[in-house]
Amino acid sequence: MENILDCVIIGSGPSGYTAAIYAARADLKPELYTGLEPGGQLTTTTEVDNFPGYPNGITGPEMMMDLQKQAERFETKVHYEMITKAEFSTEVGGIHKLWAGEKEILAKTVIISTGATAKYLGLDDEKKYSGGGVSACATCDGFFYRGKEVIVVGAGDTAAEEATYLANLCTKVTMLVRKDHFRASKAMIHRVENTPNIEVKFNHELIAIEGENNLVERAVVINNQTQETSKIDVHGIFIAIGHKPNTDIFKGQITLDENGYIATEKGSSRTNLPGVFAAGDVQDHIYRQAITAAGSGCMAAIDAERYLGELK
């Protein structure tokens, strides 16, 4: 007889590991598939100072290792593999099928914690200075630039929100907007315009980053109208051009919103499919924090446990 698991967790960030901890403690014997980036986005973050329980801060990779060890302590089985295909049942009590390459996995419940990937411009310098001044999350990293000058790249609501948040911490925020207008809502534009230490450079793009010892010191920008290049002395560069939820393999089966995030019932982790739950950034385009991801992972495990209990 084929082995049917009670719970499979796809993804290994704060939501996935927290779901594993709760599911394992509920005796669901969860098996977790890490994907290609074990630990998720936090593994690219050098310092995490805003997660409760770490008074002296911790690096993102260290935190993810702590969460994994805690999940394994309760006998979560961790697979360093990527789920490449999914066929979900639409029936209550149905069996969901997943594949990691050629390996087929059967499960009564599935918790999707595949996260979202920040969009970048595609410059080699972005990778070079990642963790040394280049970030895609002002709420996560803005504190490190208190009293310094920074740049925000982007023209939408996310960029405007990041800029106004950073303006409370930094002496000056320069926004680089590729075209001659914002894409942000009127309300967000007004917030930017009414913040005195934000300077907006329309028709400007970031084309290179300079620094020493992998720390950002200058941004090289181009004026799209004149083709003139210039340099701006800054310590931080925040790329705010959006995120892409990692939901491609679930399209056509699970309800997604207009931006590709998994839609969940309000106040729960339940999706439109029975026995399939979503947690973390894959269903959260608003907060995108480690602590909120962990909280939703807890919710998903409890929802999965209750779903299985109702089947008995």
Protein backbone atom coordinates (compact mmCIF):
# COMPACT_ATOMS: atom_id res chain seq x y z
CA MET A 1 0.00 0.00 0.00
CA GLU A 2 1.29 3.45 -0.92
CA ASN A 3 2.48 5.65 1.93
CA ILE A 4 0.06 8.54 2.43
CA LEU A 5 1.41 11.31 4.62
CA ASP A 6 -0.75 13.36 6.94
CA CYS A 7 1.05 16.62 6.13
CA VAL A 8 3.55 17.83 3.55
CA ILE A 9 5.03 21.33 3.80
CA ILE A 10 6.41 22.99 0.67
CA GLY A 11 8.98 25.64 1.54
CA SER A 12 11.48 26.26 4.31
CA GLY A 13 11.30 29.87 5.42
CA PRO A 14 9.86 31.06 8.75
CA SER A 15 6.34 30.00 7.76
CA GLY A 16 7.35 26.54 6.59
CA TYR A 17 9.50 25.70 9.60
CA THR A 18 6.96 27.12 12.06
CA ALA A 19 4.24 25.06 10.40
CA ALA A 20 6.50 22.03 10.74
CA ILE A 21 7.07 22.67 14.45
CA TYR A 22 3.34 22.92 15.16
CA ALA A 23 2.38 20.04 12.87
CA ALA A 24 5.03 17.78 14.38
CA ARG A 25 3.94 18.59 17.92
CA ALA A 26 0.40 17.67 16.85
CA ASP A 27 1.75 14.26 15.79
CA LEU A 28 1.07 14.84 12.09
CA LYS A 29 4.60 13.58 11.24
CA PRO A 30 5.16 16.32 8.67
CA GLU A 31 7.66 16.09 5.85
CA LEU A 32 9.11 19.35 4.59
CA TYR A 33 10.61 20.03 1.16
CA THR A 34 13.07 22.93 1.30
CA GLY A 35 13.15 23.90 -2.37
CA LEU A 36 16.21 25.32 -4.09
CA GLU A 37 16.80 27.99 -1.44
CA PRO A 38 16.63 26.34 2.00
CA GLY A 39 15.61 28.97 4.51
CA GLY A 40 14.04 31.27 1.91
CA GLN A 41 14.67 35.00 1.56
CA LEU A 42 16.06 35.34 5.08
CA THR A 43 19.19 33.44 4.07
CA THR A 44 20.16 36.52 2.04
CA THR A 45 19.75 38.83 5.08
CA THR A 46 22.84 39.48 7.14
CA GLU A 47 21.35 40.87 10.34
CA VAL A 48 17.86 40.31 11.77
CA ASP A 49 17.16 42.63 14.69
CA ASN A 50 13.36 42.66 14.73
CA PHE A 51 12.47 39.02 15.44
CA PRO A 52 11.39 38.49 19.08
CA GLY A 53 13.65 36.39 21.26
CA TYR A 54 16.99 37.51 19.86
CA PRO A 55 18.01 40.51 22.04
CA ASN A 56 21.39 40.78 20.37
CA GLY A 57 20.11 40.12 16.85
CA ILE A 58 20.95 37.15 14.65
CA THR A 59 21.85 36.54 11.03
CA GLY A 60 19.15 35.26 8.70
CA PRO A 61 20.93 31.96 7.96
CA GLU A 62 21.50 31.30 11.67
CA MET A 63 17.84 31.92 12.46
CA MET A 64 16.74 29.51 9.73
CA MET A 65 19.10 26.85 11.07
CA ASP A 66 17.62 27.35 14.55
CA LEU A 67 14.09 26.92 13.19
CA GLN A 68 15.09 23.82 11.22
CA LYS A 69 16.72 22.24 14.27
CA GLN A 70 13.61 22.94 16.32
CA ALA A 71 11.39 21.36 13.66
CA GLU A 72 13.68 18.31 13.45
CA ARG A 73 13.71 18.01 17.22
CA PHE A 74 10.03 17.07 16.97
CA GLU A 75 10.84 14.61 14.17
CA THR A 76 9.97 16.66 11.11
CA LYS A 77 11.58 14.98 8.13
CA VAL A 78 13.39 17.57 5.99
CA HIS A 79 14.05 16.85 2.32
CA TYR A 80 16.53 19.02 0.43
CA GLU A 81 14.48 18.71 -2.73
CA MET A 82 12.16 20.88 -4.78
CA ILE A 83 8.51 20.14 -5.45
CA THR A 84 8.19 20.47 -9.22
CA LYS A 85 4.57 19.46 -9.82
CA ALA A 86 1.32 19.31 -7.91
CA GLU A 87 -2.07 17.71 -8.54
CA PHE A 88 -4.52 18.70 -5.83
CA SER A 89 -7.74 16.87 -5.07
CA THR A 90 -10.92 18.93 -5.04
CA GLU A 91 -12.73 16.50 -2.72
CA VAL A 92 -12.90 16.71 1.06
CA GLY A 93 -10.69 13.92 2.32
CA GLY A 94 -9.07 13.54 -1.11
CA ILE A 95 -5.41 12.70 -1.55
CA HIS A 96 -3.09 15.33 -2.97
CA LYS A 97 -0.24 14.34 -5.27
CA LEU A 98 3.11 16.09 -5.37
CA TRP A 99 6.30 15.35 -7.25
CA ALA A 100 9.91 16.07 -6.41
CA GLY A 101 11.42 15.24 -9.78
CA GLU A 102 10.30 11.69 -10.49
CA LYS A 103 9.39 10.94 -6.88
CA GLU A 104 5.66 10.97 -6.18
CA ILE A 105 4.42 12.07 -2.75
CA LEU A 106 0.88 11.50 -1.49
CA ALA A 107 -0.58 13.64 1.29
CA LYS A 108 -3.84 14.28 3.08
CA THR A 109 -2.89 17.92 3.70
CA VAL A 110 -0.45 20.29 2.05
CA ILE A 111 0.87 23.55 3.48
CA ILE A 112 2.26 25.85 0.78
CA SER A 113 5.01 28.11 2.12
CA THR A 114 6.93 28.82 -1.07
CA GLY A 115 7.26 32.55 -0.39
CA ALA A 116 7.76 35.37 -2.85
CA THR A 117 10.88 36.50 -4.64
CA ALA A 118 11.85 40.17 -4.67
CA LYS A 119 12.25 41.61 -8.14
CA TYR A 120 15.60 43.19 -8.94
CA LEU A 121 16.88 45.25 -11.85
CA GLY A 122 19.25 42.54 -13.02
CA LEU A 123 22.49 44.40 -12.38
CA ASP A 124 25.54 42.35 -11.41
CA ASP A 125 26.25 44.96 -8.74
CA GLU A 126 22.99 44.12 -6.97
CA LYS A 127 24.32 40.66 -6.16
CA LYS A 128 27.79 41.96 -5.32
CA TYR A 129 26.44 44.42 -2.72
CA SER A 130 23.58 42.28 -1.43
CA GLY A 131 23.81 42.49 2.36
CA GLY A 132 26.26 45.36 2.02
CA GLY A 133 23.85 48.13 1.18
CA VAL A 134 21.43 46.67 -1.37
CA SER A 135 18.09 45.56 0.03
CA ALA A 136 14.52 44.90 -1.10
CA CYS A 137 12.91 45.51 2.31
CA ALA A 138 13.03 48.86 4.09
CA THR A 139 11.13 47.53 7.11
CA CYS A 140 13.70 44.76 7.48
CA ASP A 141 16.89 46.73 6.91
CA GLY A 142 16.09 50.44 7.20
CA PHE A 143 17.28 50.62 10.81
CA PHE A 144 20.88 50.02 9.70
CA TYR A 145 20.81 53.27 7.70
CA ARG A 146 19.60 55.56 10.47
CA GLY A 147 21.12 59.01 9.98
CA LYS A 148 22.45 58.18 6.51
CA GLU A 149 21.43 58.89 2.91
CA VAL A 150 19.75 56.21 0.80
CA ILE A 151 18.13 55.63 -2.57
CA VAL A 152 14.81 53.97 -3.35
CA VAL A 153 14.28 52.62 -6.86
CA GLY A 154 10.68 52.36 -8.02
CA ALA A 155 7.55 54.28 -8.95
CA GLY A 156 4.65 52.38 -7.38
CA ASP A 157 2.97 52.23 -4.00
CA THR A 158 5.68 49.93 -2.62
CA ALA A 159 8.43 52.39 -3.55
CA ALA A 160 6.49 55.34 -2.12
CA GLU A 161 5.82 53.46 1.11
CA GLU A 162 9.45 52.38 1.44
CA ALA A 163 10.63 55.93 0.82
CA THR A 164 8.35 57.52 3.43
CA TYR A 165 9.29 54.83 5.96
CA LEU A 166 13.00 55.43 5.36
CA ALA A 167 12.52 59.19 5.53
CA ASN A 168 11.78 58.80 9.24
CA LEU A 169 15.17 57.16 9.75
CA CYS A 170 17.47 58.65 7.14
CA THR A 171 18.72 62.20 6.58
CA LYS A 172 17.77 62.05 2.91
CA VAL A 173 15.95 59.65 0.59
CA THR A 174 16.37 59.94 -3.17
CA MET A 175 13.75 58.21 -5.29
CA LEU A 176 14.73 57.11 -8.79
CA VAL A 177 11.70 56.94 -11.08
CA ARG A 178 12.37 55.57 -14.55
CA LYS A 179 9.59 57.52 -16.28
CA ASP A 180 8.28 61.05 -15.87
CA HIS A 181 5.49 60.04 -13.49
CA PHE A 182 4.65 57.82 -10.54
CA ARG A 183 2.57 54.66 -10.79
CA ALA A 184 1.61 54.99 -7.14
CA SER A 185 -1.83 55.93 -5.86
CA LYS A 186 -2.69 59.59 -5.31
CA ALA A 187 -2.58 59.13 -1.54
CA MET A 188 0.93 57.68 -1.63
CA ILE A 189 2.14 60.38 -4.04
CA HIS A 190 0.88 63.05 -1.64
CA ARG A 191 2.77 61.38 1.22
CA VAL A 192 5.98 61.49 -0.80
CA GLU A 193 5.45 65.09 -1.88
CA ASN A 194 4.75 66.18 1.69
CA THR A 195 7.91 64.57 3.09
CA PRO A 196 10.63 67.24 2.98
CA ASN A 197 13.67 64.95 3.01
CA ILE A 198 12.55 62.91 -0.03
CA GLU A 199 13.91 64.04 -3.40
CA VAL A 200 12.34 62.49 -6.50
CA LYS A 201 14.42 62.17 -9.67
CA PHE A 202 12.09 61.43 -12.56
CA ASN A 203 13.51 59.94 -15.79
CA HIS A 204 16.43 58.48 -13.85
CA GLU A 205 17.63 54.88 -13.64
CA LEU A 206 20.21 53.07 -11.55
CA ILE A 207 22.86 51.59 -13.85
CA ALA A 208 25.71 50.68 -11.49
CA ILE A 209 26.79 50.63 -7.85
CA GLU A 210 30.23 51.49 -6.50
CA GLY A 211 31.87 50.83 -3.17
CA GLU A 212 34.67 49.12 -1.30
CA ASN A 213 34.79 45.90 0.71
CA ASN A 214 31.36 45.00 -0.70
CA LEU A 215 29.79 48.03 1.00
CA VAL A 216 27.78 50.54 -1.02
CA GLU A 217 29.29 54.03 -1.31
CA ARG A 218 27.84 55.45 -4.54
CA ALA A 219 25.05 54.94 -7.03
CA VAL A 220 25.62 55.56 -10.73
CA VAL A 221 22.48 56.84 -12.42
CA ILE A 222 21.51 57.90 -15.91
CA ASN A 223 19.11 60.61 -17.01
CA ASN A 224 16.94 58.96 -19.66
CA GLN A 225 16.23 62.28 -21.36
CA THR A 226 19.76 63.67 -21.63
CA GLN A 227 21.67 60.36 -21.39
CA GLU A 228 23.96 62.05 -18.88
CA THR A 229 25.32 59.92 -16.05
CA SER A 230 25.98 61.09 -12.52
CA LYS A 231 26.94 59.65 -9.14
CA ILE A 232 25.11 59.93 -5.83
CA ASP A 233 26.89 59.27 -2.53
CA VAL A 234 24.69 56.90 -0.52
CA HIS A 235 25.04 54.06 1.97
CA GLY A 236 21.91 52.10 1.08
CA ILE A 237 19.98 51.27 -2.08
CA PHE A 238 16.48 49.86 -1.75
CA ILE A 239 15.01 48.15 -4.80
CA ALA A 240 11.23 48.54 -4.58
CA ILE A 241 9.88 47.29 -7.89
CA GLY A 242 7.73 44.50 -6.48
CA HIS A 243 7.74 40.81 -5.60
CA LYS A 244 6.79 37.70 -7.53
CA PRO A 245 4.99 35.04 -5.49
CA ASN A 246 6.34 31.54 -6.12
CA THR A 247 3.08 30.02 -7.30
CA ASP A 248 3.76 28.99 -10.90
CA ILE A 249 3.31 25.24 -10.32
CA PHE A 250 -0.06 25.81 -8.63
CA LYS A 251 -1.65 27.95 -11.35
CA GLY A 252 -4.89 26.60 -12.75
CA GLN A 253 -5.66 24.62 -9.59
CA ILE A 254 -5.66 27.06 -6.72
CA THR A 255 -7.28 30.49 -6.55
CA LEU A 256 -4.75 33.31 -6.94
CA ASP A 257 -5.28 37.05 -6.73
CA GLU A 258 -4.53 39.43 -9.59
CA ASN A 259 -0.84 39.52 -8.64
CA GLY A 260 -0.42 35.76 -8.33
CA TYR A 261 -0.60 35.46 -4.54
CA ILE A 262 -2.59 32.55 -3.13
CA ALA A 263 -6.01 33.67 -1.91
CA THR A 264 -6.86 32.47 1.60
CA GLU A 265 -10.06 32.75 3.60
CA LYS A 266 -10.04 35.80 5.84
CA GLY A 267 -8.64 34.96 9.26
CA SER A 268 -7.37 31.53 8.22
CA SER A 269 -4.84 29.79 5.99
CA ARG A 270 -7.48 27.84 4.05
CA THR A 271 -7.39 28.01 0.26
CA ASN A 272 -10.23 27.14 -2.12
CA LEU A 273 -9.07 23.50 -2.05
CA PRO A 274 -9.91 21.22 0.90
CA GLY A 275 -6.80 20.15 2.77
CA VAL A 276 -4.56 22.73 1.07
CA PHE A 277 -3.33 25.66 3.17
CA ALA A 278 -1.02 28.61 2.47
CA ALA A 279 1.27 30.53 4.80
CA GLY A 280 3.87 33.27 4.63
CA ASP A 281 4.73 35.59 1.78
CA VAL A 282 3.12 33.36 -0.83
CA GLN A 283 -0.22 34.66 0.44
CA ASP A 284 0.84 37.93 2.09
CA HIS A 285 1.72 40.89 -0.13
CA ILE A 286 1.20 43.45 2.64
CA TYR A 287 3.45 42.71 5.63
CA ARG A 288 6.12 40.31 4.29
CA GLN A 289 7.91 39.97 7.64
CA ALA A 290 9.52 36.92 9.23
CA ILE A 291 7.33 37.25 12.31
CA THR A 292 4.07 37.45 10.36
CA ALA A 293 5.19 34.54 8.18
CA ALA A 294 5.90 32.47 11.28
CA GLY A 295 2.49 33.35 12.71
CA SER A 296 0.72 32.26 9.55
CA GLY A 297 2.73 29.03 9.56
CA CYS A 298 1.34 28.32 13.01
CA MET A 299 -2.17 29.03 11.70
CA ALA A 300 -1.69 26.67 8.73
CA ALA A 301 -0.56 23.79 10.94
CA ILE A 302 -3.51 24.26 13.29
CA ASP A 303 -5.90 24.49 10.33
CA ALA A 304 -4.42 21.29 8.88
CA GLU A 305 -4.72 19.49 12.22
CA ARG A 306 -8.37 20.52 12.56
CA TYR A 307 -9.13 19.50 8.99
CA LEU A 308 -7.72 16.03 9.60
CA GLY A 309 -9.63 15.80 12.87
CA GLU A 310 -12.90 16.54 11.08
CA LEU A 311 -12.26 13.65 8.66
CA LYS A 312 -12.21 11.07 11.46
